[in-house]
Amino acid sequence: ACAPLVRYHNSSAYTDGTCFVLESDLTQKEILVSCSQPGLPRTDRHNEFGSCMEGFSGFVDESMVITGLSIIIDFVRYLFLEFEIFFNNENL
């Protein structure tokens, strides 16, 4: 499940999208927060890093999660792909 327009009011001036990987019983397995990388300041509203929206597009299967990221840095829009690979111990 992804929330691309989530904004953490105490630490970010703009959106900081987040995706949550859940188990089949809906317990949280992992949080994907690619927008919170070091070196991407988000508190200066009109300079440097503005908006990051993770999770508008994505692909999920039993071993992999791929999410699309839309990021604005210095008023230039970039598109990135973030992926996480999960291995089930039964398949090793």
PDB file of N, CA and C in Angstrom:
ATOM      1  N   ALA A   1       0.856  -1.172   0.000  1.00  0.00           N
ATOM      2  CA  ALA A   1       0.000   0.000   0.000  1.00  0.00           C
ATOM      3  C   ALA A   1       0.895   1.225   0.000  1.00  0.00           C
ATOM      4  N   CYS A   2       0.548   2.203  -0.835  1.00  0.00           N
ATOM      5  CA  CYS A   2       1.363   3.416  -0.931  1.00  0.00           C
ATOM      6  C   CYS A   2       0.526   4.657  -0.658  1.00  0.00           C
ATOM      7  N   ALA A   3       1.169   5.646  -0.092  1.00  0.00           N
ATOM      8  CA  ALA A   3       0.565   6.951   0.165  1.00  0.00           C
ATOM      9  C   ALA A   3       1.486   8.005  -0.442  1.00  0.00           C
ATOM     10  N   PRO A   4       1.378   8.260  -1.759  1.00  0.00           N
ATOM     11  CA  PRO A   4       2.323   9.149  -2.428  1.00  0.00           C
ATOM     12  C   PRO A   4       2.237  10.603  -1.985  1.00  0.00           C
ATOM     13  N   LEU A   5       1.117  11.026  -1.434  1.00  0.00           N
ATOM     14  CA  LEU A   5       0.970  12.427  -1.039  1.00  0.00           C
ATOM     15  C   LEU A   5       1.097  12.644   0.460  1.00  0.00           C
ATOM     16  N   VAL A   6       1.630  11.661   1.179  1.00  0.00           N
ATOM     17  CA  VAL A   6       1.799  11.798   2.626  1.00  0.00           C
ATOM     18  C   VAL A   6       2.795  12.916   2.919  1.00  0.00           C
ATOM     19  N   ARG A   7       2.521  13.686   3.958  1.00  0.00           N
ATOM     20  CA  ARG A   7       3.449  14.748   4.362  1.00  0.00           C
ATOM     21  C   ARG A   7       3.591  14.680   5.872  1.00  0.00           C
ATOM     22  N   TYR A   8       4.833  14.580   6.323  1.00  0.00           N
ATOM     23  CA  TYR A   8       5.121  14.554   7.747  1.00  0.00           C
ATOM     24  C   TYR A   8       5.292  16.000   8.189  1.00  0.00           C
ATOM     25  N   HIS A   9       4.283  16.552   8.833  1.00  0.00           N
ATOM     26  CA  HIS A   9       4.218  17.985   9.116  1.00  0.00           C
ATOM     27  C   HIS A   9       5.368  18.511   9.964  1.00  0.00           C
ATOM     28  N   ASN A  10       5.954  17.690  10.804  1.00  0.00           N
ATOM     29  CA  ASN A  10       7.026  18.176  11.673  1.00  0.00           C
ATOM     30  C   ASN A  10       8.402  18.142  11.023  1.00  0.00           C
ATOM     31  N   SER A  11       8.547  17.513   9.844  1.00  0.00           N
ATOM     32  CA  SER A  11       9.891  17.400   9.273  1.00  0.00           C
ATOM     33  C   SER A  11       9.968  17.721   7.788  1.00  0.00           C
ATOM     34  N   SER A  12       8.861  18.079   7.158  1.00  0.00           N
ATOM     35  CA  SER A  12       8.893  18.283   5.720  1.00  0.00           C
ATOM     36  C   SER A  12       7.933  19.387   5.316  1.00  0.00           C
ATOM     37  N   ALA A  13       8.382  20.227   4.388  1.00  0.00           N
ATOM     38  CA  ALA A  13       7.526  21.289   3.882  1.00  0.00           C
ATOM     39  C   ALA A  13       6.619  20.791   2.771  1.00  0.00           C
ATOM     40  N   TYR A  14       7.030  19.749   2.077  1.00  0.00           N
ATOM     41  CA  TYR A  14       6.268  19.217   0.954  1.00  0.00           C
ATOM     42  C   TYR A  14       5.982  17.733   1.146  1.00  0.00           C
ATOM     43  N   THR A  15       5.307  17.145   0.173  1.00  0.00           N
ATOM     44  CA  THR A  15       4.965  15.720   0.268  1.00  0.00           C
ATOM     45  C   THR A  15       6.219  14.849   0.317  1.00  0.00           C
ATOM     46  N   ASP A  16       6.103  13.747   1.000  1.00  0.00           N
ATOM     47  CA  ASP A  16       7.215  12.826   1.216  1.00  0.00           C
ATOM     48  C   ASP A  16       6.643  11.410   1.161  1.00  0.00           C
ATOM     49  N   GLY A  17       6.238  10.968  -0.023  1.00  0.00           N
ATOM     50  CA  GLY A  17       5.508   9.711  -0.187  1.00  0.00           C
ATOM     51  C   GLY A  17       6.156   8.510   0.475  1.00  0.00           C
ATOM     52  N   THR A  18       5.318   7.567   0.883  1.00  0.00           N
ATOM     53  CA  THR A  18       5.768   6.380   1.599  1.00  0.00           C
ATOM     54  C   THR A  18       4.974   5.167   1.126  1.00  0.00           C
ATOM     55  N   CYS A  19       5.632   4.016   1.042  1.00  0.00           N
ATOM     56  CA  CYS A  19       4.953   2.756   0.729  1.00  0.00           C
ATOM     57  C   CYS A  19       5.158   1.779   1.881  1.00  0.00           C
ATOM     58  N   PHE A  20       4.156   0.975   2.134  1.00  0.00           N
ATOM     59  CA  PHE A  20       4.192  -0.008   3.203  1.00  0.00           C
ATOM     60  C   PHE A  20       4.032  -1.396   2.598  1.00  0.00           C
ATOM     61  N   VAL A  21       4.941  -2.303   2.923  1.00  0.00           N
ATOM     62  CA  VAL A  21       4.840  -3.695   2.485  1.00  0.00           C
ATOM     63  C   VAL A  21       4.186  -4.459   3.632  1.00  0.00           C
ATOM     64  N   LEU A  22       3.080  -5.134   3.330  1.00  0.00           N
ATOM     65  CA  LEU A  22       2.315  -5.838   4.351  1.00  0.00           C
ATOM     66  C   LEU A  22       2.355  -7.341   4.120  1.00  0.00           C
ATOM     67  N   GLU A  23       2.272  -8.087   5.207  1.00  0.00           N
ATOM     68  CA  GLU A  23       2.138  -9.544   5.130  1.00  0.00           C
ATOM     69  C   GLU A  23       0.690  -9.880   4.769  1.00  0.00           C
ATOM     70  N   SER A  24       0.403 -11.144   4.500  1.00  0.00           N
ATOM     71  CA  SER A  24      -0.958 -11.546   4.134  1.00  0.00           C
ATOM     72  C   SER A  24      -1.960 -11.311   5.268  1.00  0.00           C
ATOM     73  N   ASP A  25      -1.480 -11.274   6.525  1.00  0.00           N
ATOM     74  CA  ASP A  25      -2.368 -10.991   7.656  1.00  0.00           C
ATOM     75  C   ASP A  25      -2.415  -9.495   7.982  1.00  0.00           C
ATOM     76  N   LEU A  26      -1.895  -8.666   7.067  1.00  0.00           N
ATOM     77  CA  LEU A  26      -1.884  -7.204   7.140  1.00  0.00           C
ATOM     78  C   LEU A  26      -0.943  -6.632   8.197  1.00  0.00           C
ATOM     79  N   THR A  27      -0.035  -7.452   8.735  1.00  0.00           N
ATOM     80  CA  THR A  27       0.998  -6.891   9.602  1.00  0.00           C
ATOM     81  C   THR A  27       2.060  -6.241   8.721  1.00  0.00           C
ATOM     82  N   GLN A  28       2.678  -5.211   9.251  1.00  0.00           N
ATOM     83  CA  GLN A  28       3.664  -4.448   8.485  1.00  0.00           C
ATOM     84  C   GLN A  28       4.979  -5.205   8.386  1.00  0.00           C
ATOM     85  N   LYS A  29       5.450  -5.426   7.159  1.00  0.00           N
ATOM     86  CA  LYS A  29       6.712  -6.121   6.928  1.00  0.00           C
ATOM     87  C   LYS A  29       7.852  -5.122   6.782  1.00  0.00           C
ATOM     88  N   GLU A  30       7.619  -4.052   6.038  1.00  0.00           N
ATOM     89  CA  GLU A  30       8.670  -3.068   5.780  1.00  0.00           C
ATOM     90  C   GLU A  30       8.036  -1.756   5.338  1.00  0.00           C
ATOM     91  N   ILE A  31       8.773  -0.663   5.559  1.00  0.00           N
ATOM     92  CA  ILE A  31       8.360   0.654   5.073  1.00  0.00           C
ATOM     93  C   ILE A  31       9.374   1.091   4.029  1.00  0.00           C
ATOM     94  N   LEU A  32       8.905   1.494   2.856  1.00  0.00           N
ATOM     95  CA  LEU A  32       9.774   2.007   1.799  1.00  0.00           C
ATOM     96  C   LEU A  32       9.652   3.525   1.787  1.00  0.00           C
ATOM     97  N   VAL A  33      10.724   4.201   2.170  1.00  0.00           N
ATOM     98  CA  VAL A  33      10.725   5.659   2.234  1.00  0.00           C
ATOM     99  C   VAL A  33      11.923   6.168   1.452  1.00  0.00           C
ATOM    100  N   SER A  34      11.906   5.986   0.155  1.00  0.00           N
ATOM    101  CA  SER A  34      13.030   6.394  -0.683  1.00  0.00           C
ATOM    102  C   SER A  34      13.208   7.900  -0.712  1.00  0.00           C
ATOM    103  N   CYS A  35      12.154   8.641  -0.428  1.00  0.00           N
ATOM    104  CA  CYS A  35      12.223  10.100  -0.444  1.00  0.00           C
ATOM    105  C   CYS A  35      13.066  10.645   0.708  1.00  0.00           C
ATOM    106  N   SER A  36      13.324   9.860   1.720  1.00  0.00           N
ATOM    107  CA  SER A  36      14.076  10.321   2.890  1.00  0.00           C
ATOM    108  C   SER A  36      15.553   9.974   2.799  1.00  0.00           C
ATOM    109  N   GLN A  37      16.143  10.132   1.643  1.00  0.00           N
ATOM    110  CA  GLN A  37      17.566   9.859   1.451  1.00  0.00           C
ATOM    111  C   GLN A  37      18.398  11.014   1.993  1.00  0.00           C
ATOM    112  N   PRO A  38      19.589  10.745   2.516  1.00  0.00           N
ATOM    113  CA  PRO A  38      20.474  11.822   2.962  1.00  0.00           C
ATOM    114  C   PRO A  38      20.826  12.737   1.788  1.00  0.00           C
ATOM    115  N   GLY A  39      20.946  14.015   2.056  1.00  0.00           N
ATOM    116  CA  GLY A  39      21.324  14.958   1.010  1.00  0.00           C
ATOM    117  C   GLY A  39      20.151  15.522   0.235  1.00  0.00           C
ATOM    118  N   LEU A  40      18.932  15.173   0.617  1.00  0.00           N
ATOM    119  CA  LEU A  40      17.755  15.741  -0.035  1.00  0.00           C
ATOM    120  C   LEU A  40      16.980  16.579   0.980  1.00  0.00           C
ATOM    121  N   PRO A  41      17.398  17.839   1.202  1.00  0.00           N
ATOM    122  CA  PRO A  41      16.714  18.667   2.202  1.00  0.00           C
ATOM    123  C   PRO A  41      15.280  18.955   1.772  1.00  0.00           C
ATOM    124  N   ARG A  42      14.367  18.987   2.745  1.00  0.00           N
ATOM    125  CA  ARG A  42      12.966  19.211   2.427  1.00  0.00           C
ATOM    126  C   ARG A  42      12.336  20.318   3.252  1.00  0.00           C
ATOM    127  N   THR A  43      13.103  21.008   4.063  1.00  0.00           N
ATOM    128  CA  THR A  43      12.498  21.999   4.944  1.00  0.00           C
ATOM    129  C   THR A  43      12.511  23.412   4.375  1.00  0.00           C
ATOM    130  N   ASP A  44      13.353  23.710   3.423  1.00  0.00           N
ATOM    131  CA  ASP A  44      13.397  25.025   2.790  1.00  0.00           C
ATOM    132  C   ASP A  44      12.373  25.013   1.658  1.00  0.00           C
ATOM    133  N   ARG A  45      11.258  25.675   1.847  1.00  0.00           N
ATOM    134  CA  ARG A  45      10.088  25.499   0.978  1.00  0.00           C
ATOM    135  C   ARG A  45      10.330  25.784  -0.496  1.00  0.00           C
ATOM    136  N   HIS A  46      11.172  26.729  -0.852  1.00  0.00           N
ATOM    137  CA  HIS A  46      11.269  27.114  -2.260  1.00  0.00           C
ATOM    138  C   HIS A  46      12.658  26.942  -2.848  1.00  0.00           C
ATOM    139  N   ASN A  47      13.528  26.278  -2.162  1.00  0.00           N
ATOM    140  CA  ASN A  47      14.880  26.056  -2.666  1.00  0.00           C
ATOM    141  C   ASN A  47      15.227  24.586  -2.547  1.00  0.00           C
ATOM    142  N   GLU A  48      16.190  24.179  -3.327  1.00  0.00           N
ATOM    143  CA  GLU A  48      16.712  22.824  -3.294  1.00  0.00           C
ATOM    144  C   GLU A  48      15.637  21.784  -3.560  1.00  0.00           C
ATOM    145  N   PHE A  49      15.313  20.968  -2.550  1.00  0.00           N
ATOM    146  CA  PHE A  49      14.417  19.827  -2.750  1.00  0.00           C
ATOM    147  C   PHE A  49      12.992  20.216  -2.403  1.00  0.00           C
ATOM    148  N   GLY A  50      12.076  19.932  -3.291  1.00  0.00           N
ATOM    149  CA  GLY A  50      10.684  20.268  -3.023  1.00  0.00           C
ATOM    150  C   GLY A  50       9.859  19.045  -2.709  1.00  0.00           C
ATOM    151  N   SER A  51       9.289  18.449  -3.718  1.00  0.00           N
ATOM    152  CA  SER A  51       8.288  17.410  -3.536  1.00  0.00           C
ATOM    153  C   SER A  51       8.816  16.049  -3.967  1.00  0.00           C
ATOM    154  N   CYS A  52       8.457  15.019  -3.222  1.00  0.00           N
ATOM    155  CA  CYS A  52       8.777  13.647  -3.604  1.00  0.00           C
ATOM    156  C   CYS A  52       7.517  12.817  -3.410  1.00  0.00           C
ATOM    157  N   MET A  53       7.123  12.109  -4.443  1.00  0.00           N
ATOM    158  CA  MET A  53       5.894  11.319  -4.380  1.00  0.00           C
ATOM    159  C   MET A  53       6.212   9.881  -4.767  1.00  0.00           C
ATOM    160  N   GLU A  54       6.356   9.022  -3.771  1.00  0.00           N
ATOM    161  CA  GLU A  54       6.653   7.608  -4.028  1.00  0.00           C
ATOM    162  C   GLU A  54       5.363   6.806  -4.043  1.00  0.00           C
ATOM    163  N   GLY A  55       5.210   5.973  -5.062  1.00  0.00           N
ATOM    164  CA  GLY A  55       4.109   5.029  -5.063  1.00  0.00           C
ATOM    165  C   GLY A  55       2.950   5.330  -5.986  1.00  0.00           C
ATOM    166  N   PHE A  56       3.087   6.304  -6.893  1.00  0.00           N
ATOM    167  CA  PHE A  56       2.001   6.522  -7.847  1.00  0.00           C
ATOM    168  C   PHE A  56       1.877   5.356  -8.818  1.00  0.00           C
ATOM    169  N   SER A  57       2.972   4.680  -9.065  1.00  0.00           N
ATOM    170  CA  SER A  57       2.933   3.475  -9.888  1.00  0.00           C
ATOM    171  C   SER A  57       3.775   2.416  -9.201  1.00  0.00           C
ATOM    172  N   GLY A  58       3.504   1.166  -9.497  1.00  0.00           N
ATOM    173  CA  GLY A  58       4.286   0.128  -8.854  1.00  0.00           C
ATOM    174  C   GLY A  58       3.936  -1.263  -9.341  1.00  0.00           C
ATOM    175  N   PHE A  59       4.764  -2.216  -8.919  1.00  0.00           N
ATOM    176  CA  PHE A  59       4.585  -3.625  -9.236  1.00  0.00           C
ATOM    177  C   PHE A  59       4.939  -4.415  -7.987  1.00  0.00           C
ATOM    178  N   VAL A  60       4.135  -5.411  -7.662  1.00  0.00           N
ATOM    179  CA  VAL A  60       4.376  -6.223  -6.470  1.00  0.00           C
ATOM    180  C   VAL A  60       4.167  -7.685  -6.828  1.00  0.00           C
ATOM    181  N   ASP A  61       5.100  -8.539  -6.402  1.00  0.00           N
ATOM    182  CA  ASP A  61       4.860  -9.981  -6.411  1.00  0.00           C
ATOM    183  C   ASP A  61       5.448 -10.547  -5.124  1.00  0.00           C
ATOM    184  N   GLU A  62       5.573 -11.851  -5.009  1.00  0.00           N
ATOM    185  CA  GLU A  62       6.011 -12.458  -3.751  1.00  0.00           C
ATOM    186  C   GLU A  62       7.453 -12.159  -3.397  1.00  0.00           C
ATOM    187  N   SER A  63       8.282 -11.782  -4.371  1.00  0.00           N
ATOM    188  CA  SER A  63       9.700 -11.589  -4.079  1.00  0.00           C
ATOM    189  C   SER A  63      10.206 -10.181  -4.354  1.00  0.00           C
ATOM    190  N   MET A  64       9.369  -9.302  -4.912  1.00  0.00           N
ATOM    191  CA  MET A  64       9.887  -8.012  -5.339  1.00  0.00           C
ATOM    192  C   MET A  64       8.808  -6.930  -5.252  1.00  0.00           C
ATOM    193  N   VAL A  65       9.239  -5.709  -4.901  1.00  0.00           N
ATOM    194  CA  VAL A  65       8.376  -4.531  -4.919  1.00  0.00           C
ATOM    195  C   VAL A  65       9.096  -3.461  -5.717  1.00  0.00           C
ATOM    196  N   ILE A  66       8.429  -2.919  -6.737  1.00  0.00           N
ATOM    197  CA  ILE A  66       8.988  -1.824  -7.528  1.00  0.00           C
ATOM    198  C   ILE A  66       8.028  -0.653  -7.417  1.00  0.00           C
ATOM    199  N   THR A  67       8.538   0.520  -7.042  1.00  0.00           N
ATOM    200  CA  THR A  67       7.696   1.712  -6.963  1.00  0.00           C
ATOM    201  C   THR A  67       8.295   2.821  -7.809  1.00  0.00           C
ATOM    202  N   GLY A  68       7.436   3.649  -8.359  1.00  0.00           N
ATOM    203  CA  GLY A  68       7.879   4.806  -9.130  1.00  0.00           C
ATOM    204  C   GLY A  68       7.920   6.035  -8.242  1.00  0.00           C
ATOM    205  N   LEU A  69       8.941   6.869  -8.435  1.00  0.00           N
ATOM    206  CA  LEU A  69       9.099   8.096  -7.650  1.00  0.00           C
ATOM    207  C   LEU A  69       9.121   9.296  -8.578  1.00  0.00           C
ATOM    208  N   SER A  70       8.409  10.323  -8.214  1.00  0.00           N
ATOM    209  CA  SER A  70       8.465  11.590  -8.912  1.00  0.00           C
ATOM    210  C   SER A  70       9.051  12.601  -7.931  1.00  0.00           C
ATOM    211  N   ILE A  71      10.184  13.213  -8.294  1.00  0.00           N
ATOM    212  CA  ILE A  71      10.903  14.109  -7.382  1.00  0.00           C
ATOM    213  C   ILE A  71      11.169  15.436  -8.074  1.00  0.00           C
ATOM    214  N   ILE A  72      11.038  16.531  -7.330  1.00  0.00           N
ATOM    215  CA  ILE A  72      11.402  17.850  -7.841  1.00  0.00           C
ATOM    216  C   ILE A  72      12.600  18.347  -7.043  1.00  0.00           C
ATOM    217  N   ILE A  73      13.710  18.617  -7.725  1.00  0.00           N
ATOM    218  CA  ILE A  73      14.918  19.165  -7.107  1.00  0.00           C
ATOM    219  C   ILE A  73      15.284  20.418  -7.881  1.00  0.00           C
ATOM    220  N   ASP A  74      15.442  21.535  -7.188  1.00  0.00           N
ATOM    221  CA  ASP A  74      15.743  22.818  -7.835  1.00  0.00           C
ATOM    222  C   ASP A  74      14.770  23.095  -8.974  1.00  0.00           C
ATOM    223  N   PHE A  75      13.498  22.828  -8.741  1.00  0.00           N
ATOM    224  CA  PHE A  75      12.423  23.095  -9.700  1.00  0.00           C
ATOM    225  C   PHE A  75      12.539  22.287 -10.986  1.00  0.00           C
ATOM    226  N   VAL A  76      13.296  21.199 -10.983  1.00  0.00           N
ATOM    227  CA  VAL A  76      13.401  20.293 -12.122  1.00  0.00           C
ATOM    228  C   VAL A  76      12.812  18.956 -11.685  1.00  0.00           C
ATOM    229  N   ARG A  77      11.932  18.380 -12.498  1.00  0.00           N
ATOM    230  CA  ARG A  77      11.278  17.115 -12.146  1.00  0.00           C
ATOM    231  C   ARG A  77      12.117  15.934 -12.628  1.00  0.00           C
ATOM    232  N   TYR A  78      12.292  14.954 -11.752  1.00  0.00           N
ATOM    233  CA  TYR A  78      13.011  13.719 -12.066  1.00  0.00           C
ATOM    234  C   TYR A  78      12.085  12.541 -11.801  1.00  0.00           C
ATOM    235  N   LEU A  79      12.259  11.477 -12.538  1.00  0.00           N
ATOM    236  CA  LEU A  79      11.517  10.245 -12.297  1.00  0.00           C
ATOM    237  C   LEU A  79      12.505   9.140 -11.968  1.00  0.00           C
ATOM    238  N   PHE A  80      12.252   8.402 -10.904  1.00  0.00           N
ATOM    239  CA  PHE A  80      13.131   7.328 -10.466  1.00  0.00           C
ATOM    240  C   PHE A  80      12.325   6.056 -10.269  1.00  0.00           C
ATOM    241  N   LEU A  81      13.011   4.966 -10.204  1.00  0.00           N
ATOM    242  CA  LEU A  81      12.419   3.673  -9.906  1.00  0.00           C
ATOM    243  C   LEU A  81      13.138   3.112  -8.694  1.00  0.00           C
ATOM    244  N   GLU A  82      12.416   2.676  -7.708  1.00  0.00           N
ATOM    245  CA  GLU A  82      12.983   2.089  -6.492  1.00  0.00           C
ATOM    246  C   GLU A  82      12.500   0.655  -6.408  1.00  0.00           C
ATOM    247  N   PHE A  83      13.400  -0.274  -6.122  1.00  0.00           N
ATOM    248  CA  PHE A  83      12.936  -1.649  -5.973  1.00  0.00           C
ATOM    249  C   PHE A  83      13.566  -2.303  -4.765  1.00  0.00           C
ATOM    250  N   GLU A  84      12.810  -3.184  -4.171  1.00  0.00           N
ATOM    251  CA  GLU A  84      13.241  -3.983  -3.031  1.00  0.00           C
ATOM    252  C   GLU A  84      13.003  -5.436  -3.400  1.00  0.00           C
ATOM    253  N   ILE A  85      13.962  -6.286  -3.112  1.00  0.00           N
ATOM    254  CA  ILE A  85      13.815  -7.716  -3.388  1.00  0.00           C
ATOM    255  C   ILE A  85      13.698  -8.444  -2.058  1.00  0.00           C
ATOM    256  N   PHE A  86      12.664  -9.235  -1.927  1.00  0.00           N
ATOM    257  CA  PHE A  86      12.421 -10.014  -0.721  1.00  0.00           C
ATOM    258  C   PHE A  86      12.519 -11.486  -1.081  1.00  0.00           C
ATOM    259  N   PHE A  87      13.206 -12.232  -0.258  1.00  0.00           N
ATOM    260  CA  PHE A  87      13.325 -13.664  -0.488  1.00  0.00           C
ATOM    261  C   PHE A  87      12.589 -14.406   0.612  1.00  0.00           C
ATOM    262  N   ASN A  88      11.817 -15.366   0.224  1.00  0.00           N
ATOM    263  CA  ASN A  88      11.134 -16.227   1.166  1.00  0.00           C
ATOM    264  C   ASN A  88      12.106 -17.345   1.535  1.00  0.00           C
ATOM    265  N   ASN A  89      12.327 -17.576   2.813  1.00  0.00           N
ATOM    266  CA  ASN A  89      13.276 -18.608   3.253  1.00  0.00           C
ATOM    267  C   ASN A  89      12.929 -19.989   2.712  1.00  0.00           C
ATOM    268  N   GLU A  90      11.658 -20.236   2.416  1.00  0.00           N
ATOM    269  CA  GLU A  90      11.257 -21.538   1.894  1.00  0.00           C
ATOM    270  C   GLU A  90      11.813 -21.772   0.497  1.00  0.00           C
ATOM    271  N   ASN A  91      12.114 -20.693  -0.239  1.00  0.00           N
ATOM    272  CA  ASN A  91      12.596 -20.820  -1.613  1.00  0.00           C
ATOM    273  C   ASN A  91      14.115 -20.889  -1.707  1.00  0.00           C
ATOM    274  N   LEU A  92      14.825 -20.739  -0.609  1.00  0.00           N
ATOM    275  CA  LEU A  92      16.294 -20.750  -0.644  1.00  0.00           C
ATOM    276  C   LEU A  92      16.839 -22.152  -0.661  1.00  0.00           C
TER     277      LEU A  92
END
